[in-house]
């Protein structure tokens, strides 16, 4: 997996971009890899949401005074969630288009 880092942040977690795998001759490996990639991406988004929630809790309770890191965590979680929603919308649109195809 390739890692993307946001410059200028202290201790920022890398954004992981899933690798794309080629499907085997039967096509099953591609479907399994696609499903695994989706599950992995949703897990990363969930981790980002949980981390942002923990950062806010730490800021509110006084355990942390770093508002900048908290805001970065919140924005990172928000952007990753928005990306997931756009991917979901594209998948639903593609599915609906396939359903409308005449056989």
Protein backbone atom coordinates (compact mmCIF):
# COMPACT_ATOMS: atom_id res chain seq x y z
CA UNK A 1 0.00 0.00 0.00
CA UNK A 2 1.16 3.49 -0.70
CA UNK A 3 1.02 6.07 2.07
CA UNK A 4 0.04 9.70 1.68
CA UNK A 5 1.09 12.12 4.40
CA UNK A 6 -0.12 15.62 5.13
CA UNK A 7 2.91 17.88 5.45
CA UNK A 8 3.19 20.12 8.47
CA UNK A 9 1.24 18.01 10.93
CA UNK A 10 2.79 16.47 13.98
CA UNK A 11 2.12 12.78 14.41
CA UNK A 12 -0.45 12.62 11.64
CA UNK A 13 -1.43 9.14 10.61
CA UNK A 14 -0.87 8.27 6.95
CA UNK A 15 -3.86 7.91 4.66
CA UNK A 16 -3.66 4.44 3.21
CA UNK A 17 -4.61 3.89 -0.40
CA UNK A 18 -5.62 0.28 -1.14
CA UNK A 19 -3.78 -1.50 -3.92
CA UNK A 20 -5.72 -2.76 -6.93
CA UNK A 21 -5.26 -6.46 -7.69
CA UNK A 22 -5.81 -8.14 -11.02
CA UNK A 23 -8.53 -10.78 -11.28
CA UNK A 24 -7.59 -14.37 -11.94
CA UNK A 25 -8.77 -16.39 -14.94
CA UNK A 26 -12.02 -17.35 -13.20
CA UNK A 27 -12.81 -13.78 -12.18
CA UNK A 28 -13.51 -14.85 -8.59
CA UNK A 29 -10.29 -13.41 -7.18
CA UNK A 30 -11.18 -9.98 -8.54
CA UNK A 31 -14.56 -9.98 -6.79
CA UNK A 32 -13.04 -11.19 -3.55
CA UNK A 33 -10.27 -8.59 -3.78
CA UNK A 34 -12.80 -5.86 -4.52
CA UNK A 35 -14.95 -6.84 -1.57
CA UNK A 36 -11.90 -7.07 0.67
CA UNK A 37 -10.72 -3.66 -0.50
CA UNK A 38 -14.12 -2.15 0.28
CA UNK A 39 -14.20 -3.72 3.74
CA UNK A 40 -10.66 -2.54 4.41
CA UNK A 41 -11.47 1.00 3.26
CA UNK A 42 -14.58 1.11 5.46
CA UNK A 43 -12.47 -0.12 8.39
CA UNK A 44 -9.96 2.68 7.83
CA UNK A 45 -12.76 5.24 7.68
CA UNK A 46 -14.22 3.85 10.88
CA UNK A 47 -10.79 4.09 12.53
CA UNK A 48 -10.50 7.72 11.40
CA UNK A 49 -13.95 8.50 12.84
CA UNK A 50 -13.08 6.78 16.12
CA UNK A 51 -9.73 8.59 16.32
CA UNK A 52 -11.40 11.95 15.71
CA UNK A 53 -13.97 11.21 18.40
CA UNK A 54 -11.23 10.27 20.86
CA UNK A 55 -9.29 13.45 19.99
CA UNK A 56 -12.37 15.57 20.69
CA UNK A 57 -13.00 13.75 23.96
CA UNK A 58 -9.38 14.28 25.01
CA UNK A 59 -9.62 17.99 24.16
CA UNK A 60 -12.91 18.45 26.01
CA UNK A 61 -11.75 16.61 29.14
CA UNK A 62 -8.46 18.53 29.26
CA UNK A 63 -6.21 15.54 28.56
CA UNK A 64 -4.96 17.31 25.44
CA UNK A 65 -4.57 20.99 24.65
CA UNK A 66 -3.61 20.55 20.99
CA UNK A 67 -6.62 21.96 19.15
CA UNK A 68 -4.78 21.89 15.82
CA UNK A 69 -4.26 18.12 15.92
CA UNK A 70 -7.89 17.66 16.92
CA UNK A 71 -9.08 19.77 14.00
CA UNK A 72 -6.83 17.86 11.60
CA UNK A 73 -8.25 14.55 12.87
CA UNK A 74 -11.80 15.87 12.45
CA UNK A 75 -11.16 17.10 8.92
CA UNK A 76 -9.41 13.88 7.95
CA UNK A 77 -12.37 11.84 9.22
CA UNK A 78 -14.83 14.14 7.42
CA UNK A 79 -13.01 14.01 4.09
CA UNK A 80 -12.63 10.23 4.24
CA UNK A 81 -16.34 9.86 5.03
CA UNK A 82 -17.29 12.15 2.14
CA UNK A 83 -15.06 10.13 -0.19
CA UNK A 84 -16.71 6.91 0.96
CA UNK A 85 -20.16 8.39 0.28
CA UNK A 86 -19.13 9.46 -3.23
CA UNK A 87 -17.76 5.99 -3.97
CA UNK A 88 -21.00 4.47 -2.67
CA UNK A 89 -23.03 6.80 -4.88
CA UNK A 90 -20.98 5.82 -7.94
CA UNK A 91 -21.40 2.12 -7.14
CA UNK A 92 -25.16 2.49 -6.74
CA UNK A 93 -25.37 4.41 -10.02
CA UNK A 94 -23.35 1.71 -11.80
CA UNK A 95 -25.55 -1.03 -10.31
CA UNK A 96 -28.73 0.76 -11.41
CA UNK A 97 -27.33 1.18 -14.91
CA UNK A 98 -26.48 -2.53 -15.10
CA UNK A 99 -30.02 -3.36 -13.94
CA UNK A 100 -31.45 -1.29 -16.81
CA UNK A 101 -29.42 -3.18 -19.43
CA UNK A 102 -31.37 -5.36 -21.82
CA UNK A 103 -30.23 -8.95 -22.10
